[in-house]
Amino acid sequence: MELTLEEYETIRLIDWLDCTQEQCADQMGVARTTVQAVYNSARKKLADCLVNGKRLEIRGGNYQLCPDGGNCCGKNCEKRGCRRRRCNNKPGGDCNEDCCNI
């Protein structure tokens, strides 16, 4: 059974880090309905592997790595948790927008 990186990421954000689907969608840069579909697919695959003893591989998917080391303000890249916080690490000044810290 193959789990895509997007499916893995939804499981990590929602089940492991307790993000809401909206926070997950914000982090991944997709619509909440897309997250819901990807998450449902991932859970079905995980359940199939657990119940039927199937091998699970995580690979593939459609993703983009954060450019220039990732900047929390703008690209949502250096996120480390689901709590909201002020982001003050924007190059050249302060960032006044809230970032989901994932």
Protein backbone atom coordinates (compact mmCIF):
# COMPACT_ATOMS: atom_id res chain seq x y z
CA MET A 1 0.00 0.00 0.00
CA GLU A 2 1.37 3.41 -0.93
CA LEU A 3 0.70 6.54 1.13
CA THR A 4 1.51 9.78 -0.70
CA LEU A 5 3.43 12.54 1.03
CA GLU A 6 0.26 14.67 1.06
CA GLU A 7 -1.63 11.87 2.81
CA TYR A 8 1.20 11.45 5.29
CA GLU A 9 1.24 15.20 5.96
CA THR A 10 -2.51 15.35 6.67
CA ILE A 11 -2.17 12.47 9.16
CA ARG A 12 0.84 14.16 10.78
CA LEU A 13 -0.84 17.55 11.08
CA ILE A 14 -4.35 16.45 12.08
CA ASP A 15 -3.76 13.30 14.14
CA TRP A 16 -0.25 13.86 15.50
CA LEU A 17 -0.19 17.65 16.00
CA ASP A 18 -3.94 18.08 16.63
CA CYS A 19 -4.41 20.67 13.89
CA THR A 20 -7.88 21.38 12.59
CA GLN A 21 -8.58 20.67 8.94
CA GLU A 22 -8.54 24.43 8.34
CA GLN A 23 -5.09 24.79 9.93
CA CYS A 24 -3.88 21.81 7.92
CA ALA A 25 -5.24 23.35 4.71
CA ASP A 26 -3.53 26.65 5.53
CA GLN A 27 -0.23 24.90 6.17
CA MET A 28 -0.44 22.86 2.97
CA GLY A 29 -1.73 25.74 0.84
CA VAL A 30 -4.87 23.91 -0.34
CA ALA A 31 -8.62 24.12 0.26
CA ARG A 32 -10.11 22.53 3.39
CA THR A 33 -12.22 20.26 1.17
CA THR A 34 -9.01 19.00 -0.46
CA VAL A 35 -7.54 18.26 2.97
CA GLN A 36 -10.72 16.39 3.91
CA ALA A 37 -10.51 14.19 0.80
CA VAL A 38 -6.77 13.51 1.22
CA TYR A 39 -7.22 12.79 4.95
CA ASN A 40 -10.09 10.35 4.32
CA SER A 41 -8.01 8.52 1.72
CA ALA A 42 -5.03 8.33 4.10
CA ARG A 43 -7.13 6.95 6.97
CA LYS A 44 -8.65 4.25 4.76
CA LYS A 45 -5.19 3.19 3.61
CA LEU A 46 -3.83 3.13 7.17
CA ALA A 47 -6.81 1.11 8.40
CA ASP A 48 -6.37 -1.39 5.55
CA CYS A 49 -2.68 -1.81 6.43
CA LEU A 50 -3.38 -2.27 10.15
CA VAL A 51 -6.33 -4.63 9.77
CA ASN A 52 -4.91 -6.71 6.93
CA GLY A 53 -1.21 -6.59 7.83
CA LYS A 54 -0.20 -4.90 4.60
CA ARG A 55 3.12 -3.18 4.04
CA LEU A 56 2.96 0.63 3.95
CA GLU A 57 5.25 2.77 1.80
CA ILE A 58 5.33 6.56 1.95
CA ARG A 59 6.35 8.18 -1.33
CA GLY A 60 5.26 10.16 -4.32
CA GLY A 61 2.75 12.95 -4.34
CA ASN A 62 2.61 16.48 -5.66
CA TYR A 63 4.53 18.88 -3.42
CA GLN A 64 6.99 21.74 -3.48
CA LEU A 65 9.79 22.36 -0.99
CA CYS A 66 9.98 25.82 0.56
CA PRO A 67 12.23 28.19 -1.41
CA ASP A 68 15.03 30.18 0.21
CA GLY A 69 14.92 28.28 3.50
CA GLY A 70 11.23 29.02 3.99
CA ASN A 71 9.83 32.11 5.65
CA CYS A 72 6.88 31.74 8.02
CA CYS A 73 5.44 35.03 6.84
CA GLY A 74 4.16 34.46 3.35
CA LYS A 75 5.01 30.91 2.34
CA ASN A 76 3.95 29.12 5.56
CA CYS A 77 7.20 27.17 5.53
CA GLU A 78 8.99 27.00 8.88
CA LYS A 79 5.95 25.98 10.90
CA ARG A 80 6.38 23.79 13.97
CA GLY A 81 3.00 23.46 15.77
CA CYS A 82 -0.65 24.38 15.53
CA ARG A 83 -0.77 27.20 18.02
CA ARG A 84 -1.26 30.68 16.57
CA ARG A 85 1.57 33.10 17.20
CA ARG A 86 2.94 36.39 16.02
CA CYS A 87 5.60 36.03 13.40
CA ASN A 88 8.45 38.52 13.75
CA ASN A 89 11.13 36.87 11.65
CA LYS A 90 10.34 38.37 8.24
CA PRO A 91 13.55 39.53 6.54
CA GLY A 92 13.83 43.31 6.64
CA GLY A 93 11.22 43.90 9.30
CA ASP A 94 8.35 42.62 11.37
CA CYS A 95 5.49 40.53 10.10
CA ASN A 96 2.11 41.49 11.50
CA GLU A 97 0.17 38.50 10.22
CA ASP A 98 -0.64 35.47 12.34
CA CYS A 99 1.02 32.25 11.26
CA CYS A 100 -0.13 28.75 12.12
CA ASN A 101 3.00 27.47 13.86
CA ILE A 102 3.31 23.94 12.48
